[in-house]
Amino acid sequence: MKQSIVTLDMEGVLTPEVWIAVAERTQIPELRRTTRDEPDYDKLMHYRIGIMDQHGITLPQIQAVIAGLPLLPGALDFLSELRKRTQVIILSDTFEQFAEPFMRQMGWPTLFCHRLVVEKDRIAGYQLRMPDQKRHSVAALQSLNYNVIAAGDSFNDTSMLGQANHGFLFHAPENVVRQFPQFPAVNEYDELLRLILARL
C-alpha cells in the first residue's frame, strides 16, 4: 500500500484571504478581487499591482496587515491533528514575503509558493515558482509513489484537485462548487479531516 501525503491550499482553507484583509484595512474595495472571482492568476496579479501603484500601497503596509491576521478558527487544531497522522505540504499562490506570519502560527509546515519582485518597498512584479505549480507539485509527489490527497477552495486549486488521487473542496464558494461537482465539498474541519483520514 502506498504512503500518503496531503496537499492543502492556504488562503481560504487555513488562513483568511490576504487581499480581502488588505482591501478592508486600506479601504480599497478593488483589492477584494481574488482567484474566486478571476481564474486568470496573471491577469489578477497585474490588476492588483496596478491598484497598489495607483494608491501608493507598499509591501511593509501589506506585511503589517498580515502580521495581525489570525488563522481561521479551528485551522490549527485541524492541521495539528492531520500532521500527527501524515505529512502535509501547503501549496499556495501566495508569496514568501506574505506567508511568514502564517507559517509561524502554523508551526512552520512545508510551503511551496511564489516570490514577489520588490523595488524600494514597492511591489514591482512577481515570479511564479512555475506555472500551474500546484498540479505539477502533486504530479511530482505521485511520481515518488505517493497517494496524494488534496483540498482547496478556489478555481486555482481545481487542477491540483483533479491531479490528486483524491480531491476535496473546502470552504468553497457556490460558483466553484457548482462548476466542479466532481469534487466533494465540505465546510467543517471535522468533515474534511474525516474524509482525508479515510483515504490515507
N, C-alpha and C. Protein backbone atom coordinates (compact mmCIF):
# COMPACT_ATOMS: atom_id res chain seq x y z
N MET A 1 0.84 -1.20 0.00
CA MET A 1 0.00 0.00 0.00
C MET A 1 0.88 1.26 0.00
N LYS A 2 0.52 2.23 -0.83
CA LYS A 2 1.32 3.45 -0.95
C LYS A 2 1.24 4.30 0.31
N GLN A 3 2.35 5.02 0.57
CA GLN A 3 2.29 6.06 1.60
C GLN A 3 1.48 7.23 1.05
N SER A 4 0.88 7.98 1.96
CA SER A 4 0.06 9.12 1.55
C SER A 4 0.70 10.43 1.97
N ILE A 5 0.33 11.49 1.26
CA ILE A 5 0.75 12.84 1.61
C ILE A 5 -0.43 13.77 1.30
N VAL A 6 -0.59 14.80 2.10
CA VAL A 6 -1.72 15.71 1.92
C VAL A 6 -1.21 17.07 1.45
N THR A 7 -1.85 17.63 0.42
CA THR A 7 -1.51 18.98 -0.04
C THR A 7 -2.73 19.88 0.19
N LEU A 8 -2.49 21.02 0.83
CA LEU A 8 -3.57 21.94 1.16
C LEU A 8 -3.28 23.33 0.59
N ASP A 9 -4.30 23.95 0.06
CA ASP A 9 -4.21 25.38 -0.24
C ASP A 9 -4.12 26.12 1.10
N MET A 10 -3.65 27.36 1.08
CA MET A 10 -3.53 28.10 2.34
C MET A 10 -4.68 29.08 2.56
N GLU A 11 -4.77 30.11 1.71
CA GLU A 11 -5.78 31.15 1.91
C GLU A 11 -7.18 30.61 1.66
N GLY A 12 -8.07 30.87 2.59
CA GLY A 12 -9.45 30.40 2.46
C GLY A 12 -9.63 28.99 3.04
N VAL A 13 -8.53 28.26 3.21
CA VAL A 13 -8.58 26.91 3.78
C VAL A 13 -8.04 26.93 5.22
N LEU A 14 -6.88 27.56 5.40
CA LEU A 14 -6.26 27.63 6.73
C LEU A 14 -6.16 29.06 7.26
N THR A 15 -6.07 30.00 6.36
CA THR A 15 -5.89 31.41 6.74
C THR A 15 -6.93 32.28 6.03
N PRO A 16 -7.14 33.49 6.54
CA PRO A 16 -8.01 34.40 5.80
C PRO A 16 -7.40 34.75 4.44
N GLU A 17 -8.20 35.30 3.55
CA GLU A 17 -7.71 35.78 2.27
C GLU A 17 -6.96 37.09 2.52
N VAL A 18 -5.66 37.08 2.21
CA VAL A 18 -4.81 38.25 2.48
C VAL A 18 -5.33 39.50 1.77
N TRP A 19 -5.67 39.35 0.50
CA TRP A 19 -6.04 40.54 -0.27
C TRP A 19 -7.34 41.16 0.22
N ILE A 20 -8.25 40.32 0.71
CA ILE A 20 -9.51 40.86 1.25
C ILE A 20 -9.21 41.65 2.53
N ALA A 21 -8.31 41.11 3.36
CA ALA A 21 -7.92 41.82 4.59
C ALA A 21 -7.24 43.15 4.26
N VAL A 22 -6.38 43.14 3.23
CA VAL A 22 -5.70 44.37 2.81
C VAL A 22 -6.73 45.38 2.28
N ALA A 23 -7.70 44.88 1.50
CA ALA A 23 -8.75 45.77 0.96
C ALA A 23 -9.52 46.43 2.09
N GLU A 24 -9.82 45.66 3.13
CA GLU A 24 -10.59 46.21 4.26
C GLU A 24 -9.77 47.24 5.04
N ARG A 25 -8.48 46.92 5.27
CA ARG A 25 -7.64 47.83 6.04
C ARG A 25 -7.36 49.13 5.28
N THR A 26 -7.14 49.02 3.96
CA THR A 26 -6.80 50.21 3.17
C THR A 26 -8.04 50.91 2.63
N GLN A 27 -9.19 50.24 2.77
CA GLN A 27 -10.45 50.75 2.23
C GLN A 27 -10.37 50.96 0.71
N ILE A 28 -9.71 49.98 0.05
CA ILE A 28 -9.65 49.97 -1.42
C ILE A 28 -10.42 48.73 -1.88
N PRO A 29 -11.72 48.89 -2.19
CA PRO A 29 -12.55 47.71 -2.49
C PRO A 29 -12.06 46.90 -3.70
N GLU A 30 -11.35 47.54 -4.63
CA GLU A 30 -10.87 46.80 -5.82
C GLU A 30 -9.92 45.66 -5.45
N LEU A 31 -9.26 45.78 -4.29
CA LEU A 31 -8.32 44.72 -3.88
C LEU A 31 -9.03 43.49 -3.30
N ARG A 32 -10.35 43.56 -3.19
CA ARG A 32 -11.10 42.38 -2.71
C ARG A 32 -11.14 41.26 -3.74
N ARG A 33 -10.79 41.57 -4.96
CA ARG A 33 -10.86 40.58 -6.04
C ARG A 33 -9.85 39.45 -5.79
N THR A 34 -10.30 38.20 -5.84
CA THR A 34 -9.41 37.05 -5.60
C THR A 34 -9.56 36.04 -6.74
N THR A 35 -8.86 34.90 -6.60
CA THR A 35 -8.96 33.85 -7.62
C THR A 35 -10.36 33.23 -7.64
N ARG A 36 -11.17 33.52 -6.62
CA ARG A 36 -12.57 33.06 -6.66
C ARG A 36 -13.35 33.85 -7.72
N ASP A 37 -12.88 35.09 -8.00
CA ASP A 37 -13.56 35.95 -8.96
C ASP A 37 -12.87 35.93 -10.33
N GLU A 38 -11.53 35.84 -10.31
CA GLU A 38 -10.75 35.89 -11.55
C GLU A 38 -9.83 34.68 -11.63
N PRO A 39 -10.20 33.68 -12.45
CA PRO A 39 -9.38 32.46 -12.52
C PRO A 39 -7.99 32.68 -13.14
N ASP A 40 -7.82 33.74 -13.95
CA ASP A 40 -6.53 34.01 -14.60
C ASP A 40 -5.61 34.72 -13.60
N TYR A 41 -4.69 33.98 -13.01
CA TYR A 41 -3.86 34.50 -11.92
C TYR A 41 -2.97 35.65 -12.37
N ASP A 42 -2.39 35.53 -13.57
CA ASP A 42 -1.51 36.58 -14.07
C ASP A 42 -2.27 37.89 -14.24
N LYS A 43 -3.45 37.78 -14.82
CA LYS A 43 -4.30 38.96 -15.02
C LYS A 43 -4.66 39.59 -13.66
N LEU A 44 -4.98 38.74 -12.69
CA LEU A 44 -5.35 39.20 -11.36
C LEU A 44 -4.19 39.93 -10.68
N MET A 45 -2.98 39.35 -10.76
CA MET A 45 -1.83 39.96 -10.09
C MET A 45 -1.44 41.29 -10.72
N HIS A 46 -1.51 41.38 -12.05
CA HIS A 46 -1.19 42.66 -12.70
C HIS A 46 -2.23 43.72 -12.33
N TYR A 47 -3.46 43.29 -12.20
CA TYR A 47 -4.54 44.19 -11.76
C TYR A 47 -4.23 44.71 -10.35
N ARG A 48 -3.85 43.81 -9.44
CA ARG A 48 -3.54 44.19 -8.05
C ARG A 48 -2.35 45.16 -7.98
N ILE A 49 -1.30 44.84 -8.73
CA ILE A 49 -0.11 45.69 -8.72
C ILE A 49 -0.46 47.09 -9.21
N GLY A 50 -1.29 47.16 -10.25
CA GLY A 50 -1.74 48.46 -10.77
C GLY A 50 -2.52 49.25 -9.73
N ILE A 51 -3.39 48.59 -9.00
CA ILE A 51 -4.19 49.26 -7.95
C ILE A 51 -3.28 49.75 -6.82
N MET A 52 -2.30 48.91 -6.43
CA MET A 52 -1.38 49.32 -5.36
C MET A 52 -0.53 50.51 -5.77
N ASP A 53 -0.06 50.51 -7.02
CA ASP A 53 0.71 51.66 -7.53
C ASP A 53 -0.12 52.93 -7.49
N GLN A 54 -1.34 52.79 -7.94
CA GLN A 54 -2.27 53.92 -8.00
C GLN A 54 -2.49 54.55 -6.62
N HIS A 55 -2.53 53.70 -5.59
CA HIS A 55 -2.82 54.18 -4.23
C HIS A 55 -1.57 54.29 -3.35
N GLY A 56 -0.39 53.96 -3.91
CA GLY A 56 0.85 54.08 -3.15
C GLY A 56 0.98 53.08 -2.01
N ILE A 57 0.41 51.89 -2.17
CA ILE A 57 0.49 50.85 -1.13
C ILE A 57 1.83 50.12 -1.25
N THR A 58 2.55 50.01 -0.12
CA THR A 58 3.88 49.37 -0.14
C THR A 58 3.82 47.97 0.47
N LEU A 59 4.89 47.21 0.25
CA LEU A 59 4.99 45.86 0.84
C LEU A 59 4.93 45.91 2.37
N PRO A 60 5.68 46.80 3.06
CA PRO A 60 5.58 46.83 4.53
C PRO A 60 4.16 47.09 5.04
N GLN A 61 3.39 47.89 4.30
CA GLN A 61 2.00 48.12 4.71
C GLN A 61 1.19 46.83 4.66
N ILE A 62 1.41 46.05 3.60
CA ILE A 62 0.69 44.78 3.46
C ILE A 62 1.16 43.79 4.53
N GLN A 63 2.47 43.75 4.77
CA GLN A 63 3.01 42.83 5.79
C GLN A 63 2.46 43.17 7.18
N ALA A 64 2.25 44.45 7.43
CA ALA A 64 1.70 44.87 8.73
C ALA A 64 0.26 44.36 8.89
N VAL A 65 -0.50 44.36 7.81
CA VAL A 65 -1.87 43.82 7.85
C VAL A 65 -1.83 42.31 8.13
N ILE A 66 -0.96 41.61 7.40
CA ILE A 66 -0.86 40.15 7.54
C ILE A 66 -0.43 39.76 8.96
N ALA A 67 0.50 40.53 9.52
CA ALA A 67 1.02 40.22 10.87
C ALA A 67 -0.08 40.21 11.92
N GLY A 68 -1.16 40.94 11.65
CA GLY A 68 -2.26 40.99 12.62
C GLY A 68 -3.39 40.01 12.35
N LEU A 69 -3.22 39.15 11.34
CA LEU A 69 -4.30 38.22 11.00
C LEU A 69 -4.14 36.88 11.72
N PRO A 70 -5.20 36.38 12.36
CA PRO A 70 -5.14 35.04 12.95
C PRO A 70 -5.42 33.99 11.88
N LEU A 71 -5.12 32.75 12.18
CA LEU A 71 -5.57 31.64 11.32
C LEU A 71 -7.09 31.56 11.39
N LEU A 72 -7.70 30.85 10.46
CA LEU A 72 -9.15 30.64 10.53
C LEU A 72 -9.46 29.81 11.78
N PRO A 73 -10.61 30.07 12.44
CA PRO A 73 -10.96 29.32 13.66
C PRO A 73 -10.99 27.81 13.40
N GLY A 74 -10.22 27.07 14.19
CA GLY A 74 -10.17 25.61 14.04
C GLY A 74 -9.06 25.11 13.13
N ALA A 75 -8.41 26.02 12.40
CA ALA A 75 -7.41 25.60 11.41
C ALA A 75 -6.20 24.94 12.07
N LEU A 76 -5.72 25.52 13.17
CA LEU A 76 -4.51 24.99 13.80
C LEU A 76 -4.75 23.59 14.38
N ASP A 77 -5.91 23.39 15.03
CA ASP A 77 -6.23 22.07 15.58
C ASP A 77 -6.33 21.04 14.46
N PHE A 78 -6.99 21.44 13.35
CA PHE A 78 -7.12 20.55 12.19
C PHE A 78 -5.75 20.16 11.66
N LEU A 79 -4.89 21.16 11.46
CA LEU A 79 -3.57 20.92 10.89
C LEU A 79 -2.72 20.07 11.83
N SER A 80 -2.80 20.34 13.13
CA SER A 80 -2.02 19.57 14.11
C SER A 80 -2.45 18.11 14.12
N GLU A 81 -3.76 17.89 14.06
CA GLU A 81 -4.29 16.52 14.06
C GLU A 81 -3.85 15.78 12.80
N LEU A 82 -3.90 16.49 11.68
CA LEU A 82 -3.53 15.89 10.40
C LEU A 82 -2.04 15.55 10.37
N ARG A 83 -1.21 16.45 10.90
CA ARG A 83 0.24 16.24 10.85
C ARG A 83 0.70 15.14 11.80
N LYS A 84 -0.16 14.74 12.76
CA LYS A 84 0.15 13.59 13.61
C LYS A 84 0.05 12.29 12.80
N ARG A 85 -0.80 12.32 11.76
CA ARG A 85 -1.10 11.09 11.01
C ARG A 85 -0.33 10.97 9.70
N THR A 86 0.05 12.12 9.10
CA THR A 86 0.65 12.07 7.76
C THR A 86 1.44 13.35 7.50
N GLN A 87 2.22 13.35 6.42
CA GLN A 87 2.95 14.56 6.01
C GLN A 87 1.99 15.51 5.28
N VAL A 88 2.20 16.81 5.50
CA VAL A 88 1.35 17.83 4.89
C VAL A 88 2.23 18.87 4.21
N ILE A 89 1.87 19.24 2.99
CA ILE A 89 2.55 20.33 2.28
C ILE A 89 1.50 21.38 1.92
N ILE A 90 1.82 22.65 2.20
CA ILE A 90 0.94 23.74 1.80
C ILE A 90 1.34 24.18 0.40
N LEU A 91 0.41 24.09 -0.54
CA LEU A 91 0.64 24.55 -1.91
C LEU A 91 -0.19 25.81 -2.12
N SER A 92 0.48 26.94 -2.24
CA SER A 92 -0.25 28.21 -2.24
C SER A 92 0.24 29.14 -3.34
N ASP A 93 -0.67 29.96 -3.84
CA ASP A 93 -0.30 31.03 -4.77
C ASP A 93 0.01 32.32 -4.03
N THR A 94 0.35 32.21 -2.74
CA THR A 94 0.82 33.38 -2.01
C THR A 94 2.30 33.58 -2.32
N PHE A 95 2.94 34.47 -1.57
CA PHE A 95 4.34 34.81 -1.81
C PHE A 95 5.14 34.64 -0.52
N GLU A 96 6.43 34.34 -0.67
CA GLU A 96 7.29 34.18 0.50
C GLU A 96 7.18 35.38 1.44
N GLN A 97 7.12 36.58 0.85
CA GLN A 97 7.11 37.81 1.66
C GLN A 97 5.80 38.00 2.43
N PHE A 98 4.74 37.28 2.03
CA PHE A 98 3.46 37.38 2.72
C PHE A 98 3.27 36.28 3.77
N ALA A 99 3.87 35.13 3.53
CA ALA A 99 3.46 33.92 4.24
C ALA A 99 4.04 33.76 5.64
N GLU A 100 5.15 34.42 5.93
CA GLU A 100 5.88 34.12 7.17
C GLU A 100 5.04 34.20 8.45
N PRO A 101 4.22 35.26 8.66
CA PRO A 101 3.44 35.30 9.91
C PRO A 101 2.49 34.09 10.04
N PHE A 102 1.93 33.65 8.93
CA PHE A 102 1.03 32.48 8.98
C PHE A 102 1.82 31.21 9.25
N MET A 103 2.99 31.07 8.63
CA MET A 103 3.81 29.87 8.82
C MET A 103 4.21 29.75 10.29
N ARG A 104 4.53 30.88 10.90
CA ARG A 104 4.90 30.88 12.33
C ARG A 104 3.74 30.36 13.17
N GLN A 105 2.54 30.86 12.89
CA GLN A 105 1.36 30.44 13.67
C GLN A 105 1.05 28.95 13.47
N MET A 106 1.40 28.42 12.29
CA MET A 106 1.09 27.02 11.99
C MET A 106 2.20 26.06 12.38
N GLY A 107 3.28 26.58 12.98
CA GLY A 107 4.38 25.70 13.38
C GLY A 107 5.28 25.32 12.22
N TRP A 108 5.43 26.24 11.26
CA TRP A 108 6.35 26.09 10.13
C TRP A 108 6.16 24.82 9.31
N PRO A 109 4.96 24.60 8.76
CA PRO A 109 4.82 23.48 7.81
C PRO A 109 5.57 23.79 6.52
N THR A 110 5.75 22.79 5.69
CA THR A 110 6.40 22.99 4.39
C THR A 110 5.46 23.79 3.49
N LEU A 111 6.01 24.79 2.81
CA LEU A 111 5.22 25.65 1.93
C LEU A 111 5.89 25.76 0.57
N PHE A 112 5.13 25.50 -0.49
CA PHE A 112 5.57 25.80 -1.86
C PHE A 112 4.75 27.00 -2.32
N CYS A 113 5.42 28.10 -2.69
CA CYS A 113 4.68 29.29 -3.14
C CYS A 113 5.54 30.10 -4.10
N HIS A 114 5.16 31.34 -4.33
CA HIS A 114 5.86 32.20 -5.30
C HIS A 114 6.67 33.27 -4.57
N ARG A 115 7.22 34.21 -5.36
CA ARG A 115 8.07 35.26 -4.78
C ARG A 115 7.73 36.60 -5.44
N LEU A 116 7.64 37.65 -4.62
CA LEU A 116 7.40 38.99 -5.16
C LEU A 116 8.71 39.63 -5.61
N VAL A 117 8.61 40.48 -6.62
CA VAL A 117 9.75 41.33 -7.02
C VAL A 117 9.50 42.69 -6.37
N VAL A 118 10.42 43.10 -5.50
CA VAL A 118 10.22 44.32 -4.71
C VAL A 118 11.33 45.32 -5.01
N GLU A 119 10.93 46.55 -5.29
CA GLU A 119 11.90 47.64 -5.53
C GLU A 119 11.57 48.79 -4.58
N LYS A 120 12.48 49.08 -3.64
CA LYS A 120 12.30 50.15 -2.66
C LYS A 120 10.92 50.07 -1.99
N ASP A 121 10.62 48.90 -1.45
CA ASP A 121 9.36 48.62 -0.73
C ASP A 121 8.12 48.61 -1.62
N ARG A 122 8.30 48.84 -2.90
CA ARG A 122 7.16 48.81 -3.83
C ARG A 122 7.12 47.44 -4.51
N ILE A 123 5.92 46.86 -4.60
CA ILE A 123 5.77 45.58 -5.31
C ILE A 123 5.77 45.88 -6.80
N ALA A 124 6.87 45.49 -7.46
CA ALA A 124 7.04 45.82 -8.88
C ALA A 124 6.57 44.69 -9.79
N GLY A 125 6.47 43.49 -9.25
CA GLY A 125 6.06 42.35 -10.06
C GLY A 125 6.12 41.09 -9.22
N TYR A 126 6.07 39.95 -9.87
CA TYR A 126 6.15 38.70 -9.12
C TYR A 126 6.78 37.62 -9.99
N GLN A 127 7.37 36.64 -9.35
CA GLN A 127 7.96 35.50 -10.04
C GLN A 127 7.20 34.24 -9.64
N LEU A 128 6.55 33.62 -10.60
CA LEU A 128 5.93 32.33 -10.32
C LEU A 128 7.05 31.31 -10.09
N ARG A 129 6.88 30.47 -9.07
CA ARG A 129 7.85 29.38 -8.90
C ARG A 129 7.87 28.54 -10.18
N MET A 130 6.68 28.29 -10.71
CA MET A 130 6.49 27.70 -12.04
C MET A 130 5.00 27.80 -12.36
N PRO A 131 4.61 27.82 -13.64
CA PRO A 131 3.18 27.87 -13.95
C PRO A 131 2.48 26.61 -13.45
N ASP A 132 1.26 26.77 -12.98
CA ASP A 132 0.43 25.66 -12.51
C ASP A 132 1.19 24.81 -11.49
N GLN A 133 1.86 25.50 -10.54
CA GLN A 133 2.76 24.80 -9.60
C GLN A 133 2.04 23.80 -8.72
N LYS A 134 0.76 24.04 -8.42
CA LYS A 134 0.05 23.12 -7.52
C LYS A 134 -0.12 21.75 -8.19
N ARG A 135 -0.56 21.77 -9.44
CA ARG A 135 -0.75 20.50 -10.16
C ARG A 135 0.58 19.78 -10.37
N HIS A 136 1.61 20.55 -10.77
CA HIS A 136 2.93 19.95 -11.00
C HIS A 136 3.50 19.35 -9.71
N SER A 137 3.27 20.02 -8.60
CA SER A 137 3.76 19.52 -7.31
C SER A 137 3.10 18.19 -6.97
N VAL A 138 1.77 18.11 -7.18
CA VAL A 138 1.05 16.86 -6.92
C VAL A 138 1.57 15.75 -7.83
N ALA A 139 1.75 16.07 -9.12
CA ALA A 139 2.25 15.06 -10.08
C ALA A 139 3.65 14.58 -9.68
N ALA A 140 4.48 15.51 -9.19
CA ALA A 140 5.84 15.13 -8.77
C ALA A 140 5.78 14.20 -7.55
N LEU A 141 4.89 14.49 -6.62
CA LEU A 141 4.74 13.62 -5.44
C LEU A 141 4.22 12.24 -5.85
N GLN A 142 3.32 12.21 -6.83
CA GLN A 142 2.82 10.92 -7.33
C GLN A 142 3.94 10.13 -8.00
N SER A 143 4.85 10.85 -8.67
CA SER A 143 5.97 10.16 -9.33
C SER A 143 6.92 9.56 -8.28
N LEU A 144 6.83 10.06 -7.04
CA LEU A 144 7.62 9.50 -5.93
C LEU A 144 6.84 8.40 -5.22
N ASN A 145 5.75 7.95 -5.84
CA ASN A 145 4.95 6.83 -5.36
C ASN A 145 4.08 7.18 -4.14
N TYR A 146 3.65 8.44 -4.05
CA TYR A 146 2.73 8.85 -3.00
C TYR A 146 1.28 8.83 -3.50
N ASN A 147 0.39 8.46 -2.60
CA ASN A 147 -1.05 8.66 -2.77
C ASN A 147 -1.31 10.08 -2.28
N VAL A 148 -1.77 10.98 -3.17
CA VAL A 148 -1.91 12.39 -2.80
C VAL A 148 -3.38 12.76 -2.58
N ILE A 149 -3.63 13.35 -1.41
CA ILE A 149 -4.98 13.82 -1.06
C ILE A 149 -4.90 15.34 -0.95
N ALA A 150 -5.75 16.04 -1.70
CA ALA A 150 -5.64 17.50 -1.79
C ALA A 150 -6.95 18.18 -1.41
N ALA A 151 -6.83 19.40 -0.86
CA ALA A 151 -8.02 20.20 -0.55
C ALA A 151 -7.73 21.66 -0.86
N GLY A 152 -8.73 22.32 -1.45
CA GLY A 152 -8.62 23.74 -1.78
C GLY A 152 -10.00 24.35 -1.88
N ASP A 153 -10.02 25.67 -2.12
CA ASP A 153 -11.31 26.36 -2.08
C ASP A 153 -11.65 27.13 -3.34
N SER A 154 -10.74 27.14 -4.32
CA SER A 154 -10.91 28.13 -5.39
C SER A 154 -10.59 27.57 -6.77
N PHE A 155 -10.85 28.40 -7.79
CA PHE A 155 -10.59 27.99 -9.18
C PHE A 155 -9.14 27.54 -9.36
N ASN A 156 -8.19 28.27 -8.72
CA ASN A 156 -6.78 27.96 -8.94
C ASN A 156 -6.34 26.69 -8.19
N ASP A 157 -7.26 26.06 -7.46
CA ASP A 157 -6.95 24.78 -6.81
C ASP A 157 -7.46 23.58 -7.61
N THR A 158 -8.31 23.83 -8.60
CA THR A 158 -9.02 22.70 -9.23
C THR A 158 -8.10 21.80 -10.06
N SER A 159 -7.02 22.36 -10.63
CA SER A 159 -6.09 21.48 -11.38
C SER A 159 -5.34 20.58 -10.39
N MET A 160 -5.04 21.11 -9.19
CA MET A 160 -4.41 20.30 -8.14
C MET A 160 -5.36 19.19 -7.68
N LEU A 161 -6.63 19.54 -7.48
CA LEU A 161 -7.61 18.55 -7.02
C LEU A 161 -7.82 17.47 -8.07
N GLY A 162 -7.83 17.89 -9.35
CA GLY A 162 -8.02 16.93 -10.44
C GLY A 162 -6.84 15.99 -10.60
N GLN A 163 -5.63 16.49 -10.35
CA GLN A 163 -4.42 15.66 -10.46
C GLN A 163 -4.30 14.69 -9.28
N ALA A 164 -4.73 15.12 -8.11
CA ALA A 164 -4.58 14.31 -6.90
C ALA A 164 -5.36 12.99 -7.00
N ASN A 165 -4.97 12.02 -6.21
CA ASN A 165 -5.72 10.76 -6.15
C ASN A 165 -7.11 10.99 -5.56
N HIS A 166 -7.18 11.95 -4.62
CA HIS A 166 -8.46 12.33 -4.01
C HIS A 166 -8.44 13.84 -3.81
N GLY A 167 -9.46 14.54 -4.32
CA GLY A 167 -9.51 15.99 -4.19
C GLY A 167 -10.81 16.46 -3.56
N PHE A 168 -10.70 17.42 -2.64
CA PHE A 168 -11.89 17.95 -1.94
C PHE A 168 -11.91 19.48 -1.99
N LEU A 169 -13.12 20.01 -2.13
CA LEU A 169 -13.31 21.45 -1.98
C LEU A 169 -13.64 21.74 -0.53
N PHE A 170 -13.03 22.81 0.01
CA PHE A 170 -13.28 23.17 1.41
C PHE A 170 -13.53 24.67 1.49
N HIS A 171 -14.62 25.05 2.15
CA HIS A 171 -14.98 26.48 2.26
C HIS A 171 -15.13 27.13 0.88
N ALA A 172 -15.47 26.35 -0.13
CA ALA A 172 -15.53 26.90 -1.49
C ALA A 172 -16.82 27.67 -1.72
N PRO A 173 -16.75 28.76 -2.51
CA PRO A 173 -17.98 29.49 -2.82
C PRO A 173 -18.87 28.67 -3.76
N GLU A 174 -20.12 29.04 -3.78
CA GLU A 174 -21.13 28.27 -4.53
C GLU A 174 -20.79 28.15 -6.01
N ASN A 175 -20.23 29.23 -6.61
CA ASN A 175 -19.93 29.17 -8.05
C ASN A 175 -18.87 28.12 -8.37
N VAL A 176 -17.89 27.94 -7.45
CA VAL A 176 -16.84 26.92 -7.67
C VAL A 176 -17.43 25.52 -7.45
N VAL A 177 -18.23 25.35 -6.40
CA VAL A 177 -18.87 24.05 -6.11
C VAL A 177 -19.73 23.62 -7.28
N ARG A 178 -20.48 24.57 -7.83
CA ARG A 178 -21.39 24.26 -8.96
C ARG A 178 -20.61 23.85 -10.21
N GLN A 179 -19.51 24.55 -10.45
CA GLN A 179 -18.74 24.30 -11.68
C GLN A 179 -17.91 23.01 -11.60
N PHE A 180 -17.61 22.55 -10.37
CA PHE A 180 -16.77 21.36 -10.20
C PHE A 180 -17.45 20.34 -9.30
N PRO A 181 -18.58 19.80 -9.76
CA PRO A 181 -19.34 18.86 -8.92
C PRO A 181 -18.61 17.54 -8.67
N GLN A 182 -17.54 17.29 -9.44
CA GLN A 182 -16.80 16.02 -9.26
C GLN A 182 -16.01 15.99 -7.94
N PHE A 183 -15.82 17.16 -7.31
CA PHE A 183 -15.07 17.20 -6.05
C PHE A 183 -16.03 17.34 -4.88
N PRO A 184 -16.03 16.39 -3.94
CA PRO A 184 -16.88 16.53 -2.75
C PRO A 184 -16.57 17.86 -2.05
N ALA A 185 -17.62 18.56 -1.62
CA ALA A 185 -17.44 19.88 -1.00
C ALA A 185 -17.91 19.84 0.45
N VAL A 186 -17.04 20.26 1.37
CA VAL A 186 -17.39 20.32 2.79
C VAL A 186 -16.98 21.68 3.36
N ASN A 187 -17.55 22.03 4.53
CA ASN A 187 -17.29 23.34 5.11
C ASN A 187 -16.78 23.30 6.55
N GLU A 188 -16.67 22.10 7.11
CA GLU A 188 -16.20 21.98 8.51
C GLU A 188 -14.90 21.18 8.55
N TYR A 189 -13.97 21.61 9.41
CA TYR A 189 -12.68 20.91 9.50
C TYR A 189 -12.86 19.45 9.91
N ASP A 190 -13.82 19.17 10.80
CA ASP A 190 -14.03 17.79 11.24
C ASP A 190 -14.39 16.89 10.06
N GLU A 191 -15.25 17.43 9.18
CA GLU A 191 -15.65 16.66 7.99
C GLU A 191 -14.47 16.43 7.07
N LEU A 192 -13.68 17.49 6.85
CA LEU A 192 -12.52 17.37 5.96
C LEU A 192 -11.51 16.37 6.53
N LEU A 193 -11.28 16.45 7.83
CA LEU A 193 -10.33 15.52 8.47
C LEU A 193 -10.81 14.08 8.30
N ARG A 194 -12.10 13.87 8.49
CA ARG A 194 -12.66 12.50 8.34
C ARG A 194 -12.47 12.00 6.91
N LEU A 195 -12.75 12.85 5.92
CA LEU A 195 -12.60 12.45 4.51
C LEU A 195 -11.13 12.11 4.18
N ILE A 196 -10.22 12.93 4.70
CA ILE A 196 -8.80 12.71 4.41
C ILE A 196 -8.30 11.43 5.09
N LEU A 197 -8.61 11.29 6.37
CA LEU A 197 -8.11 10.12 7.12
C LEU A 197 -8.62 8.80 6.54
N ALA A 198 -9.83 8.84 5.97
CA ALA A 198 -10.40 7.62 5.38
C ALA A 198 -9.66 7.20 4.12
N ARG A 199 -8.84 8.12 3.57
CA ARG A 199 -8.14 7.81 2.31
C ARG A 199 -6.63 7.69 2.45
N LEU A 200 -6.15 7.75 3.67
CA LEU A 200 -4.71 7.59 3.90
C LEU A 200 -4.27 6.14 3.66
